[in-house]
PDB file of N, CA and C in Angstrom:
ATOM      1  N   MET A   1      20.974   9.684  12.923  1.00  0.00           N
ATOM      2  CA  MET A   1      21.228   8.460  13.641  1.00  0.00           C
ATOM      3  C   MET A   1      21.365   7.325  12.626  1.00  0.00           C
ATOM      4  N   ARG A   2      22.440   6.581  12.720  1.00  0.00           N
ATOM      5  CA  ARG A   2      22.681   5.472  11.807  1.00  0.00           C
ATOM      6  C   ARG A   2      22.055   4.209  12.344  1.00  0.00           C
ATOM      7  N   LYS A   3      21.497   3.448  11.437  1.00  0.00           N
ATOM      8  CA  LYS A   3      20.924   2.170  11.813  1.00  0.00           C
ATOM      9  C   LYS A   3      22.022   1.117  11.791  1.00  0.00           C
ATOM     10  N   LYS A   4      22.149   0.389  12.892  1.00  0.00           N
ATOM     11  CA  LYS A   4      23.183  -0.626  12.988  1.00  0.00           C
ATOM     12  C   LYS A   4      22.729  -1.890  12.254  1.00  0.00           C
ATOM     13  N   ILE A   5      23.538  -2.360  11.325  1.00  0.00           N
ATOM     14  CA  ILE A   5      23.247  -3.574  10.585  1.00  0.00           C
ATOM     15  C   ILE A   5      23.876  -4.751  11.329  1.00  0.00           C
ATOM     16  N   MET A   6      23.055  -5.729  11.631  1.00  0.00           N
ATOM     17  CA  MET A   6      23.541  -6.908  12.331  1.00  0.00           C
ATOM     18  C   MET A   6      23.924  -7.974  11.312  1.00  0.00           C
ATOM     19  N   ALA A   7      25.066  -8.590  11.539  1.00  0.00           N
ATOM     20  CA  ALA A   7      25.496  -9.664  10.661  1.00  0.00           C
ATOM     21  C   ALA A   7      24.702 -10.931  10.972  1.00  0.00           C
ATOM     22  N   LYS A   8      24.453 -11.707   9.947  1.00  0.00           N
ATOM     23  CA  LYS A   8      23.780 -12.987  10.155  1.00  0.00           C
ATOM     24  C   LYS A   8      24.750 -13.965  10.782  1.00  0.00           C
ATOM     25  N   THR A   9      24.220 -14.738  11.698  1.00  0.00           N
ATOM     26  CA  THR A   9      25.032 -15.791  12.290  1.00  0.00           C
ATOM     27  C   THR A   9      24.977 -17.017  11.383  1.00  0.00           C
ATOM     28  N   ALA A  10      25.897 -17.936  11.602  1.00  0.00           N
ATOM     29  CA  ALA A  10      25.893 -19.181  10.829  1.00  0.00           C
ATOM     30  C   ALA A  10      24.589 -19.940  11.084  1.00  0.00           C
ATOM     31  N   ARG A  11      24.104 -19.869  12.304  1.00  0.00           N
ATOM     32  CA  ARG A  11      22.837 -20.550  12.635  1.00  0.00           C
ATOM     33  C   ARG A  11      21.671 -19.906  11.869  1.00  0.00           C
ATOM     34  N   MET A  12      21.659 -18.586  11.753  1.00  0.00           N
ATOM     35  CA  MET A  12      20.605 -17.925  10.978  1.00  0.00           C
ATOM     36  C   MET A  12      20.623 -18.401   9.537  1.00  0.00           C
ATOM     37  N   GLU A  13      21.808 -18.493   8.968  1.00  0.00           N
ATOM     38  CA  GLU A  13      21.924 -18.933   7.581  1.00  0.00           C
ATOM     39  C   GLU A  13      21.413 -20.357   7.411  1.00  0.00           C
ATOM     40  N   LYS A  14      21.718 -21.234   8.375  1.00  0.00           N
ATOM     41  CA  LYS A  14      21.229 -22.616   8.309  1.00  0.00           C
ATOM     42  C   LYS A  14      19.708 -22.652   8.435  1.00  0.00           C
ATOM     43  N   LEU A  15      19.169 -21.876   9.370  1.00  0.00           N
ATOM     44  CA  LEU A  15      17.717 -21.840   9.547  1.00  0.00           C
ATOM     45  C   LEU A  15      17.026 -21.305   8.302  1.00  0.00           C
ATOM     46  N   GLU A  16      17.588 -20.266   7.706  1.00  0.00           N
ATOM     47  CA  GLU A  16      17.007 -19.710   6.481  1.00  0.00           C
ATOM     48  C   GLU A  16      17.051 -20.718   5.334  1.00  0.00           C
ATOM     49  N   ALA A  17      18.125 -21.494   5.258  1.00  0.00           N
ATOM     50  CA  ALA A  17      18.220 -22.523   4.215  1.00  0.00           C
ATOM     51  C   ALA A  17      17.146 -23.597   4.432  1.00  0.00           C
ATOM     52  N   LEU A  18      16.944 -23.985   5.665  1.00  0.00           N
ATOM     53  CA  LEU A  18      15.906 -24.970   5.968  1.00  0.00           C
ATOM     54  C   LEU A  18      14.514 -24.398   5.704  1.00  0.00           C
ATOM     55  N   LEU A  19      14.326 -23.125   6.004  1.00  0.00           N
ATOM     56  CA  LEU A  19      13.036 -22.482   5.750  1.00  0.00           C
ATOM     57  C   LEU A  19      12.757 -22.341   4.252  1.00  0.00           C
ATOM     58  N   ALA A  20      13.805 -22.241   3.460  1.00  0.00           N
ATOM     59  CA  ALA A  20      13.608 -22.187   2.007  1.00  0.00           C
ATOM     60  C   ALA A  20      13.006 -23.501   1.508  1.00  0.00           C
ATOM     61  N   ILE A  21      13.325 -24.582   2.196  1.00  0.00           N
ATOM     62  CA  ILE A  21      12.785 -25.899   1.844  1.00  0.00           C
ATOM     63  C   ILE A  21      11.373 -26.064   2.408  1.00  0.00           C
ATOM     64  N   ASP A  22      11.183 -25.624   3.644  1.00  0.00           N
ATOM     65  CA  ASP A  22       9.891 -25.781   4.325  1.00  0.00           C
ATOM     66  C   ASP A  22       9.506 -24.475   5.019  1.00  0.00           C
ATOM     67  N   PRO A  23       8.975 -23.503   4.264  1.00  0.00           N
ATOM     68  CA  PRO A  23       8.690 -22.180   4.826  1.00  0.00           C
ATOM     69  C   PRO A  23       7.568 -22.166   5.865  1.00  0.00           C
ATOM     70  N   ASP A  24       6.809 -23.246   5.967  1.00  0.00           N
ATOM     71  CA  ASP A  24       5.704 -23.285   6.925  1.00  0.00           C
ATOM     72  C   ASP A  24       6.070 -23.949   8.248  1.00  0.00           C
ATOM     73  N   ASP A  25       7.322 -24.323   8.426  1.00  0.00           N
ATOM     74  CA  ASP A  25       7.744 -24.992   9.655  1.00  0.00           C
ATOM     75  C   ASP A  25       7.774 -23.983  10.812  1.00  0.00           C
ATOM     76  N   VAL A  26       6.832 -24.123  11.711  1.00  0.00           N
ATOM     77  CA  VAL A  26       6.666 -23.178  12.825  1.00  0.00           C
ATOM     78  C   VAL A  26       7.901 -23.140  13.714  1.00  0.00           C
ATOM     79  N   LEU A  27       8.453 -24.294  14.034  1.00  0.00           N
ATOM     80  CA  LEU A  27       9.614 -24.317  14.931  1.00  0.00           C
ATOM     81  C   LEU A  27      10.851 -23.707  14.288  1.00  0.00           C
ATOM     82  N   LEU A  28      11.020 -23.896  12.994  1.00  0.00           N
ATOM     83  CA  LEU A  28      12.144 -23.248  12.308  1.00  0.00           C
ATOM     84  C   LEU A  28      11.971 -21.733  12.318  1.00  0.00           C
ATOM     85  N   ARG A  29      10.759 -21.279  12.071  1.00  0.00           N
ATOM     86  CA  ARG A  29      10.495 -19.831  12.070  1.00  0.00           C
ATOM     87  C   ARG A  29      10.718 -19.247  13.461  1.00  0.00           C
ATOM     88  N   TYR A  30      10.263 -19.959  14.472  1.00  0.00           N
ATOM     89  CA  TYR A  30      10.451 -19.510  15.853  1.00  0.00           C
ATOM     90  C   TYR A  30      11.951 -19.494  16.197  1.00  0.00           C
ATOM     91  N   SER A  31      12.659 -20.518  15.789  1.00  0.00           N
ATOM     92  CA  SER A  31      14.104 -20.588  16.054  1.00  0.00           C
ATOM     93  C   SER A  31      14.852 -19.436  15.403  1.00  0.00           C
ATOM     94  N   LEU A  32      14.455 -19.074  14.188  1.00  0.00           N
ATOM     95  CA  LEU A  32      15.099 -17.949  13.504  1.00  0.00           C
ATOM     96  C   LEU A  32      14.839 -16.649  14.270  1.00  0.00           C
ATOM     97  N   ALA A  33      13.613 -16.451  14.704  1.00  0.00           N
ATOM     98  CA  ALA A  33      13.291 -15.248  15.474  1.00  0.00           C
ATOM     99  C   ALA A  33      14.099 -15.208  16.764  1.00  0.00           C
ATOM    100  N   MET A  34      14.205 -16.347  17.433  1.00  0.00           N
ATOM    101  CA  MET A  34      14.975 -16.408  18.681  1.00  0.00           C
ATOM    102  C   MET A  34      16.462 -16.150  18.425  1.00  0.00           C
ATOM    103  N   GLU A  35      16.950 -16.594  17.295  1.00  0.00           N
ATOM    104  CA  GLU A  35      18.353 -16.343  16.945  1.00  0.00           C
ATOM    105  C   GLU A  35      18.594 -14.852  16.750  1.00  0.00           C
ATOM    106  N   HIS A  36      17.644 -14.159  16.130  1.00  0.00           N
ATOM    107  CA  HIS A  36      17.757 -12.702  15.989  1.00  0.00           C
ATOM    108  C   HIS A  36      17.791 -12.038  17.374  1.00  0.00           C
ATOM    109  N   ALA A  37      16.919 -12.495  18.267  1.00  0.00           N
ATOM    110  CA  ALA A  37      16.887 -11.931  19.621  1.00  0.00           C
ATOM    111  C   ALA A  37      18.201 -12.204  20.343  1.00  0.00           C
ATOM    112  N   SER A  38      18.722 -13.411  20.209  1.00  0.00           N
ATOM    113  CA  SER A  38      19.991 -13.766  20.863  1.00  0.00           C
ATOM    114  C   SER A  38      21.154 -12.941  20.332  1.00  0.00           C
ATOM    115  N   ALA A  39      21.058 -12.564  19.064  1.00  0.00           N
ATOM    116  CA  ALA A  39      22.116 -11.760  18.449  1.00  0.00           C
ATOM    117  C   ALA A  39      21.972 -10.278  18.788  1.00  0.00           C
ATOM    118  N   GLY A  40      20.907  -9.934  19.520  1.00  0.00           N
ATOM    119  CA  GLY A  40      20.718  -8.542  19.919  1.00  0.00           C
ATOM    120  C   GLY A  40      19.948  -7.717  18.902  1.00  0.00           C
ATOM    121  N   ASN A  41      19.339  -8.365  17.924  1.00  0.00           N
ATOM    122  CA  ASN A  41      18.585  -7.647  16.903  1.00  0.00           C
ATOM    123  C   ASN A  41      17.090  -7.813  17.188  1.00  0.00           C
ATOM    124  N   ASP A  42      16.624  -7.071  18.169  1.00  0.00           N
ATOM    125  CA  ASP A  42      15.237  -7.186  18.599  1.00  0.00           C
ATOM    126  C   ASP A  42      14.249  -6.775  17.509  1.00  0.00           C
ATOM    127  N   ALA A  43      14.604  -5.810  16.683  1.00  0.00           N
ATOM    128  CA  ALA A  43      13.697  -5.388  15.613  1.00  0.00           C
ATOM    129  C   ALA A  43      13.466  -6.531  14.628  1.00  0.00           C
ATOM    130  N   ALA A  44      14.519  -7.223  14.234  1.00  0.00           N
ATOM    131  CA  ALA A  44      14.370  -8.364  13.323  1.00  0.00           C
ATOM    132  C   ALA A  44      13.630  -9.500  14.014  1.00  0.00           C
ATOM    133  N   ALA A  45      13.890  -9.678  15.299  1.00  0.00           N
ATOM    134  CA  ALA A  45      13.189 -10.721  16.054  1.00  0.00           C
ATOM    135  C   ALA A  45      11.693 -10.443  16.067  1.00  0.00           C
ATOM    136  N   VAL A  46      11.308  -9.214  16.369  1.00  0.00           N
ATOM    137  CA  VAL A  46       9.892  -8.848  16.411  1.00  0.00           C
ATOM    138  C   VAL A  46       9.241  -9.088  15.060  1.00  0.00           C
ATOM    139  N   GLN A  47       9.913  -8.676  13.988  1.00  0.00           N
ATOM    140  CA  GLN A  47       9.346  -8.890  12.658  1.00  0.00           C
ATOM    141  C   GLN A  47       9.175 -10.377  12.381  1.00  0.00           C
ATOM    142  N   SER A  48      10.141 -11.174  12.767  1.00  0.00           N
ATOM    143  CA  SER A  48      10.047 -12.623  12.561  1.00  0.00           C
ATOM    144  C   SER A  48       8.920 -13.231  13.388  1.00  0.00           C
ATOM    145  N   PHE A  49       8.782 -12.782  14.643  1.00  0.00           N
ATOM    146  CA  PHE A  49       7.680 -13.277  15.475  1.00  0.00           C
ATOM    147  C   PHE A  49       6.335 -12.872  14.879  1.00  0.00           C
ATOM    148  N   ARG A  50       6.232 -11.652  14.387  1.00  0.00           N
ATOM    149  CA  ARG A  50       4.976 -11.194  13.764  1.00  0.00           C
ATOM    150  C   ARG A  50       4.656 -12.012  12.522  1.00  0.00           C
ATOM    151  N   ASP A  51       5.667 -12.252  11.692  1.00  0.00           N
ATOM    152  CA  ASP A  51       5.456 -13.055  10.490  1.00  0.00           C
ATOM    153  C   ASP A  51       4.976 -14.457  10.865  1.00  0.00           C
ATOM    154  N   LEU A  52       5.600 -15.030  11.864  1.00  0.00           N
ATOM    155  CA  LEU A  52       5.214 -16.360  12.324  1.00  0.00           C
ATOM    156  C   LEU A  52       3.762 -16.371  12.790  1.00  0.00           C
ATOM    157  N   ASN A  53       3.411 -15.430  13.642  1.00  0.00           N
ATOM    158  CA  ASN A  53       2.064 -15.416  14.212  1.00  0.00           C
ATOM    159  C   ASN A  53       0.993 -15.071  13.186  1.00  0.00           C
ATOM    160  N   SER A  54       1.343 -14.316  12.159  1.00  0.00           N
ATOM    161  CA  SER A  54       0.339 -14.027  11.130  1.00  0.00           C
ATOM    162  C   SER A  54       0.092 -15.263  10.265  1.00  0.00           C
ATOM    163  N   ALA A  55       1.097 -16.105  10.121  1.00  0.00           N
ATOM    164  CA  ALA A  55       0.944 -17.322   9.316  1.00  0.00           C
ATOM    165  C   ALA A  55       0.319 -18.457  10.120  1.00  0.00           C
ATOM    166  N   SER A  56       0.757 -18.596  11.363  1.00  0.00           N
ATOM    167  CA  SER A  56       0.294 -19.697  12.202  1.00  0.00           C
ATOM    168  C   SER A  56       0.575 -19.327  13.653  1.00  0.00           C
ATOM    169  N   PRO A  57      -0.419 -18.800  14.357  1.00  0.00           N
ATOM    170  CA  PRO A  57      -0.188 -18.341  15.736  1.00  0.00           C
ATOM    171  C   PRO A  57       0.497 -19.403  16.600  1.00  0.00           C
ATOM    172  N   TYR A  58       1.591 -18.971  17.234  1.00  0.00           N
ATOM    173  CA  TYR A  58       2.399 -19.842  18.082  1.00  0.00           C
ATOM    174  C   TYR A  58       2.574 -19.118  19.409  1.00  0.00           C
ATOM    175  N   VAL A  59       1.963 -19.631  20.449  1.00  0.00           N
ATOM    176  CA  VAL A  59       1.861 -18.921  21.725  1.00  0.00           C
ATOM    177  C   VAL A  59       3.206 -18.395  22.239  1.00  0.00           C
ATOM    178  N   PRO A  60       4.281 -19.185  22.284  1.00  0.00           N
ATOM    179  CA  PRO A  60       5.544 -18.641  22.808  1.00  0.00           C
ATOM    180  C   PRO A  60       6.065 -17.434  22.033  1.00  0.00           C
ATOM    181  N   ALA A  61       5.713 -17.338  20.765  1.00  0.00           N
ATOM    182  CA  ALA A  61       6.185 -16.206  19.958  1.00  0.00           C
ATOM    183  C   ALA A  61       5.590 -14.887  20.434  1.00  0.00           C
ATOM    184  N   TYR A  62       4.371 -14.910  20.937  1.00  0.00           N
ATOM    185  CA  TYR A  62       3.767 -13.685  21.470  1.00  0.00           C
ATOM    186  C   TYR A  62       4.543 -13.201  22.694  1.00  0.00           C
ATOM    187  N   HIS A  63       4.896 -14.123  23.557  1.00  0.00           N
ATOM    188  CA  HIS A  63       5.638 -13.761  24.765  1.00  0.00           C
ATOM    189  C   HIS A  63       7.010 -13.185  24.416  1.00  0.00           C
ATOM    190  N   MET A  64       7.717 -13.879  23.537  1.00  0.00           N
ATOM    191  CA  MET A  64       9.059 -13.426  23.159  1.00  0.00           C
ATOM    192  C   MET A  64       8.994 -12.099  22.415  1.00  0.00           C
ATOM    193  N   ALA A  65       7.975 -11.913  21.580  1.00  0.00           N
ATOM    194  CA  ALA A  65       7.815 -10.636  20.882  1.00  0.00           C
ATOM    195  C   ALA A  65       7.526  -9.528  21.877  1.00  0.00           C
ATOM    196  N   GLY A  66       6.705  -9.813  22.882  1.00  0.00           N
ATOM    197  CA  GLY A  66       6.428  -8.830  23.930  1.00  0.00           C
ATOM    198  C   GLY A  66       7.689  -8.418  24.661  1.00  0.00           C
ATOM    199  N   GLN A  67       8.547  -9.384  24.961  1.00  0.00           N
ATOM    200  CA  GLN A  67       9.820  -9.066  25.617  1.00  0.00           C
ATOM    201  C   GLN A  67      10.704  -8.201  24.724  1.00  0.00           C
ATOM    202  N   ALA A  68      10.808  -8.573  23.443  1.00  0.00           N
ATOM    203  CA  ALA A  68      11.658  -7.812  22.515  1.00  0.00           C
ATOM    204  C   ALA A  68      11.119  -6.395  22.318  1.00  0.00           C
ATOM    205  N   LEU A  69       9.818  -6.251  22.188  1.00  0.00           N
ATOM    206  CA  LEU A  69       9.230  -4.914  22.056  1.00  0.00           C
ATOM    207  C   LEU A  69       9.485  -4.073  23.303  1.00  0.00           C
ATOM    208  N   THR A  70       9.434  -4.697  24.454  1.00  0.00           N
ATOM    209  CA  THR A  70       9.729  -3.986  25.701  1.00  0.00           C
ATOM    210  C   THR A  70      11.174  -3.497  25.695  1.00  0.00           C
ATOM    211  N   ARG A  71      12.095  -4.362  25.275  1.00  0.00           N
ATOM    212  CA  ARG A  71      13.508  -3.948  25.204  1.00  0.00           C
ATOM    213  C   ARG A  71      13.709  -2.803  24.223  1.00  0.00           C
ATOM    214  N   LEU A  72      12.881  -2.755  23.176  1.00  0.00           N
ATOM    215  CA  LEU A  72      12.962  -1.674  22.192  1.00  0.00           C
ATOM    216  C   LEU A  72      12.285  -0.393  22.669  1.00  0.00           C
ATOM    217  N   GLY A  73      11.641  -0.466  23.842  1.00  0.00           N
ATOM    218  CA  GLY A  73      10.956   0.706  24.375  1.00  0.00           C
ATOM    219  C   GLY A  73       9.578   0.919  23.770  1.00  0.00           C
ATOM    220  N   GLN A  74       9.062  -0.062  23.084  1.00  0.00           N
ATOM    221  CA  GLN A  74       7.757   0.026  22.438  1.00  0.00           C
ATOM    222  C   GLN A  74       6.711  -0.663  23.331  1.00  0.00           C
ATOM    223  N   VAL A  75       6.473  -0.048  24.467  1.00  0.00           N
ATOM    224  CA  VAL A  75       5.656  -0.665  25.510  1.00  0.00           C
ATOM    225  C   VAL A  75       4.202  -0.839  25.078  1.00  0.00           C
ATOM    226  N   ASP A  76       3.633   0.141  24.394  1.00  0.00           N
ATOM    227  CA  ASP A  76       2.244  -0.001  23.952  1.00  0.00           C
ATOM    228  C   ASP A  76       2.086  -1.184  22.999  1.00  0.00           C
ATOM    229  N   GLU A  77       3.035  -1.323  22.083  1.00  0.00           N
ATOM    230  CA  GLU A  77       2.999  -2.454  21.153  1.00  0.00           C
ATOM    231  C   GLU A  77       3.226  -3.767  21.886  1.00  0.00           C
ATOM    232  N   ALA A  78       4.109  -3.741  22.889  1.00  0.00           N
ATOM    233  CA  ALA A  78       4.360  -4.943  23.689  1.00  0.00           C
ATOM    234  C   ALA A  78       3.083  -5.374  24.406  1.00  0.00           C
ATOM    235  N   CYS A  79       2.379  -4.412  24.975  1.00  0.00           N
ATOM    236  CA  CYS A  79       1.128  -4.723  25.677  1.00  0.00           C
ATOM    237  C   CYS A  79       0.100  -5.314  24.722  1.00  0.00           C
ATOM    238  N   ALA A  80      -0.007  -4.742  23.539  1.00  0.00           N
ATOM    239  CA  ALA A  80      -0.956  -5.254  22.545  1.00  0.00           C
ATOM    240  C   ALA A  80      -0.584  -6.676  22.123  1.00  0.00           C
ATOM    241  N   MET A  81       0.690  -6.916  21.915  1.00  0.00           N
ATOM    242  CA  MET A  81       1.166  -8.242  21.525  1.00  0.00           C
ATOM    243  C   MET A  81       0.856  -9.251  22.630  1.00  0.00           C
ATOM    244  N   LEU A  82       1.121  -8.859  23.855  1.00  0.00           N
ATOM    245  CA  LEU A  82       0.866  -9.761  24.983  1.00  0.00           C
ATOM    246  C   LEU A  82      -0.628 -10.041  25.148  1.00  0.00           C
ATOM    247  N   ARG A  83      -1.451  -9.034  24.956  1.00  0.00           N
ATOM    248  CA  ARG A  83      -2.905  -9.256  25.048  1.00  0.00           C
ATOM    249  C   ARG A  83      -3.366 -10.249  23.978  1.00  0.00           C
ATOM    250  N   ASP A  84      -2.827 -10.106  22.774  1.00  0.00           N
ATOM    251  CA  ASP A  84      -3.153 -11.070  21.712  1.00  0.00           C
ATOM    252  C   ASP A  84      -2.683 -12.473  22.103  1.00  0.00           C
ATOM    253  N   GLY A  85      -1.486 -12.547  22.656  1.00  0.00           N
ATOM    254  CA  GLY A  85      -0.945 -13.837  23.082  1.00  0.00           C
ATOM    255  C   GLY A  85      -1.746 -14.457  24.212  1.00  0.00           C
ATOM    256  N   ILE A  86      -2.209 -13.641  25.126  1.00  0.00           N
ATOM    257  CA  ILE A  86      -3.043 -14.129  26.230  1.00  0.00           C
ATOM    258  C   ILE A  86      -4.339 -14.719  25.680  1.00  0.00           C
ATOM    259  N   ARG A  87      -4.922 -14.045  24.709  1.00  0.00           N
ATOM    260  CA  ARG A  87      -6.145 -14.555  24.078  1.00  0.00           C
ATOM    261  C   ARG A  87      -5.896 -15.909  23.433  1.00  0.00           C
ATOM    262  N   VAL A  88      -4.800 -16.023  22.665  1.00  0.00           N
ATOM    263  CA  VAL A  88      -4.482 -17.277  21.979  1.00  0.00           C
ATOM    264  C   VAL A  88      -4.152 -18.366  22.995  1.00  0.00           C
ATOM    265  N   ALA A  89      -3.427 -18.020  24.055  1.00  0.00           N
ATOM    266  CA  ALA A  89      -3.090 -19.004  25.091  1.00  0.00           C
ATOM    267  C   ALA A  89      -4.352 -19.536  25.762  1.00  0.00           C
ATOM    268  N   LYS A  90      -5.315 -18.670  26.011  1.00  0.00           N
ATOM    269  CA  LYS A  90      -6.587 -19.113  26.595  1.00  0.00           C
ATOM    270  C   LYS A  90      -7.315 -20.044  25.635  1.00  0.00           C
ATOM    271  N   GLU A  91      -7.321 -19.679  24.350  1.00  0.00           N
ATOM    272  CA  GLU A  91      -8.004 -20.492  23.341  1.00  0.00           C
ATOM    273  C   GLU A  91      -7.383 -21.879  23.215  1.00  0.00           C
ATOM    274  N   THR A  92      -6.063 -21.959  23.379  1.00  0.00           N
ATOM    275  CA  THR A  92      -5.356 -23.228  23.202  1.00  0.00           C
ATOM    276  C   THR A  92      -5.133 -23.970  24.513  1.00  0.00           C
ATOM    277  N   GLY A  93      -5.467 -23.332  25.626  1.00  0.00           N
ATOM    278  CA  GLY A  93      -5.296 -23.973  26.927  1.00  0.00           C
ATOM    279  C   GLY A  93      -3.859 -24.006  27.422  1.00  0.00           C
ATOM    280  N   ASP A  94      -3.020 -23.112  26.923  1.00  0.00           N
ATOM    281  CA  ASP A  94      -1.611 -23.055  27.338  1.00  0.00           C
ATOM    282  C   ASP A  94      -1.499 -22.207  28.606  1.00  0.00           C
ATOM    283  N   THR A  95      -1.749 -22.831  29.742  1.00  0.00           N
ATOM    284  CA  THR A  95      -1.787 -22.092  31.007  1.00  0.00           C
ATOM    285  C   THR A  95      -0.413 -21.592  31.444  1.00  0.00           C
ATOM    286  N   HIS A  96       0.638 -22.315  31.103  1.00  0.00           N
ATOM    287  CA  HIS A  96       1.985 -21.868  31.482  1.00  0.00           C
ATOM    288  C   HIS A  96       2.329 -20.555  30.789  1.00  0.00           C
ATOM    289  N   ALA A  97       2.182 -20.537  29.465  1.00  0.00           N
ATOM    290  CA  ALA A  97       2.470 -19.311  28.715  1.00  0.00           C
ATOM    291  C   ALA A  97       1.518 -18.199  29.118  1.00  0.00           C
ATOM    292  N   LEU A  98       0.274 -18.552  29.385  1.00  0.00           N
ATOM    293  CA  LEU A  98      -0.715 -17.565  29.823  1.00  0.00           C
ATOM    294  C   LEU A  98      -0.230 -16.841  31.072  1.00  0.00           C
ATOM    295  N   GLY A  99       0.212 -17.599  32.054  1.00  0.00           N
ATOM    296  CA  GLY A  99       0.697 -16.998  33.294  1.00  0.00           C
ATOM    297  C   GLY A  99       1.919 -16.114  33.084  1.00  0.00           C
ATOM    298  N   GLU A 100       2.846 -16.565  32.241  1.00  0.00           N
ATOM    299  CA  GLU A 100       4.047 -15.769  31.976  1.00  0.00           C
ATOM    300  C   GLU A 100       3.701 -14.458  31.280  1.00  0.00           C
ATOM    301  N   MET A 101       2.807 -14.524  30.302  1.00  0.00           N
ATOM    302  CA  MET A 101       2.437 -13.305  29.579  1.00  0.00           C
ATOM    303  C   MET A 101       1.640 -12.360  30.469  1.00  0.00           C
ATOM    304  N   GLU A 102       0.764 -12.898  31.300  1.00  0.00           N
ATOM    305  CA  GLU A 102       0.029 -12.036  32.225  1.00  0.00           C
ATOM    306  C   GLU A 102       0.984 -11.353  33.199  1.00  0.00           C
ATOM    307  N   GLY A 103       1.995 -12.078  33.657  1.00  0.00           N
ATOM    308  CA  GLY A 103       2.988 -11.489  34.559  1.00  0.00           C
ATOM    309  C   GLY A 103       3.777 -10.380  33.890  1.00  0.00           C
ATOM    310  N   LEU A 104       4.227 -10.617  32.666  1.00  0.00           N
ATOM    311  CA  LEU A 104       4.967  -9.593  31.946  1.00  0.00           C
ATOM    312  C   LEU A 104       4.082  -8.379  31.674  1.00  0.00           C
ATOM    313  N   LEU A 105       2.864  -8.628  31.244  1.00  0.00           N
ATOM    314  CA  LEU A 105       1.954  -7.531  30.953  1.00  0.00           C
ATOM    315  C   LEU A 105       1.722  -6.674  32.187  1.00  0.00           C
ATOM    316  N   SER A 106       1.507  -7.308  33.320  1.00  0.00           N
ATOM    317  CA  SER A 106       1.258  -6.520  34.543  1.00  0.00           C
ATOM    318  C   SER A 106       2.501  -5.742  34.973  1.00  0.00           C
ATOM    319  N   SER A 107       3.670  -6.220  34.606  1.00  0.00           N
ATOM    320  CA  SER A 107       4.894  -5.519  35.008  1.00  0.00           C
ATOM    321  C   SER A 107       5.216  -4.311  34.122  1.00  0.00           C
ATOM    322  N   ILE A 108       4.615  -4.246  32.922  1.00  0.00           N
ATOM    323  CA  ILE A 108       4.948  -3.132  32.011  1.00  0.00           C
ATOM    324  C   ILE A 108       3.794  -2.166  31.806  1.00  0.00           C
ATOM    325  N   GLU A 109       2.585  -2.533  32.223  1.00  0.00           N
ATOM    326  CA  GLU A 109       1.430  -1.631  32.048  1.00  0.00           C
ATOM    327  C   GLU A 109       1.536  -0.438  32.968  1.00  0.00           C
TER     328      GLU A 109
END
């Protein structure tokens, strides 16, 4: 089975250039991950979301990573990601994201 290589979009290249200047910018990192997801490269999106959350947990990234993992058929990993996101959402008081992640988790468990 051949692995399909996804081409970088112009937006990805711009985001990467901005990240080279400010690698700790959470919104730039999240935007890059979302761009990978929009381009249909869920594996790269998941890796980007994981990198983001290991550096600076960002609640929406857990939800989006859970969705991408689900699309990849990695349901156990998606559930684990969502549980981590639910914990962080509770800690930060993000009730909107909490509800969305709980809904997704209940739909895939």
